[in-house]
């Protein structure tokens, strides 16, 4: 099993947090994913994006960090 991190936050916070982390830990770029939630996005559309990211890596333990419920 692989461990990965998924950042979910209001746009553009998730991508910004990932960029900061990659500045310090560039070797972890393949293990960190970011989903920015746009203001006009529906919960269903956002969930579809999150599901797509997670389903690309089925043998993974995920640490999900978010600023949204």
Protein backbone atom coordinates (compact mmCIF):
# COMPACT_ATOMS: atom_id res chain seq x y z
CA UNK A 1 0.00 0.00 0.00
CA UNK A 2 1.12 3.49 -0.82
CA UNK A 3 0.39 6.55 1.28
CA UNK A 4 -0.74 9.71 -0.48
CA UNK A 5 -2.06 13.12 0.53
CA UNK A 6 -5.15 14.75 -0.98
CA UNK A 7 -5.64 18.47 -0.38
CA UNK A 8 -9.19 19.74 -0.91
CA UNK A 9 -9.76 23.47 -0.42
CA UNK A 10 -11.40 26.57 -1.77
CA UNK A 11 -9.64 27.75 -4.93
CA UNK A 12 -6.76 28.53 -5.15
CA UNK A 13 -5.71 27.31 -1.69
CA UNK A 14 -5.24 23.59 -2.45
CA UNK A 15 -2.88 24.16 -5.38
CA UNK A 16 -1.04 26.87 -3.42
CA UNK A 17 -0.50 24.56 -0.44
CA UNK A 18 0.78 21.83 -2.75
CA UNK A 19 3.17 24.28 -4.42
CA UNK A 20 4.53 25.31 -1.00
CA UNK A 21 5.02 21.69 0.02
CA UNK A 22 6.76 20.85 -3.26
CA UNK A 23 9.18 23.73 -2.67
CA UNK A 24 10.43 21.94 0.45
CA UNK A 25 9.77 18.30 -0.54
CA UNK A 26 9.98 18.10 -4.36
CA UNK A 27 10.55 14.36 -4.25
CA UNK A 28 6.97 13.90 -2.99
CA UNK A 29 5.28 15.43 -6.03
CA UNK A 30 3.83 12.08 -7.14
CA UNK A 31 2.29 11.48 -3.71
CA UNK A 32 0.45 14.78 -3.18
CA UNK A 33 -2.75 15.74 -5.02
CA UNK A 34 -4.74 18.96 -4.86
CA UNK A 35 -8.37 19.67 -5.71
CA UNK A 36 -9.40 23.31 -5.78
CA UNK A 37 -13.12 23.82 -5.18
CA UNK A 38 -14.35 26.63 -7.41
CA UNK A 39 -17.10 28.94 -6.09
CA UNK A 40 -19.59 27.85 -8.75
CA UNK A 41 -18.88 24.10 -8.39
CA UNK A 42 -21.69 21.90 -7.13
CA UNK A 43 -20.97 19.40 -4.37
CA UNK A 44 -21.67 16.58 -6.84
CA UNK A 45 -19.18 17.90 -9.38
CA UNK A 46 -16.54 18.37 -6.72
CA UNK A 47 -17.12 14.85 -5.42
CA UNK A 48 -16.74 13.49 -8.96
CA UNK A 49 -13.31 15.14 -9.27
CA UNK A 50 -12.23 13.78 -5.89
CA UNK A 51 -13.46 10.28 -6.75
CA UNK A 52 -11.58 10.39 -10.06
CA UNK A 53 -8.32 11.29 -8.32
CA UNK A 54 -8.72 8.59 -5.68
CA UNK A 55 -9.79 5.89 -8.16
CA UNK A 56 -6.62 6.45 -10.22
CA UNK A 57 -4.68 5.02 -7.26
CA UNK A 58 -6.74 2.13 -5.85
CA UNK A 59 -4.04 0.60 -3.62
CA UNK A 60 -3.55 3.74 -1.58
CA UNK A 61 -4.05 4.93 1.96
CA UNK A 62 -5.20 8.56 1.76
CA UNK A 63 -4.68 11.39 4.20
CA UNK A 64 -7.33 13.93 3.23
CA UNK A 65 -6.81 17.50 4.38
CA UNK A 66 -9.61 19.95 3.67
CA UNK A 67 -11.10 23.31 4.54
CA UNK A 68 -14.58 22.22 3.42
CA UNK A 69 -17.12 19.73 4.74
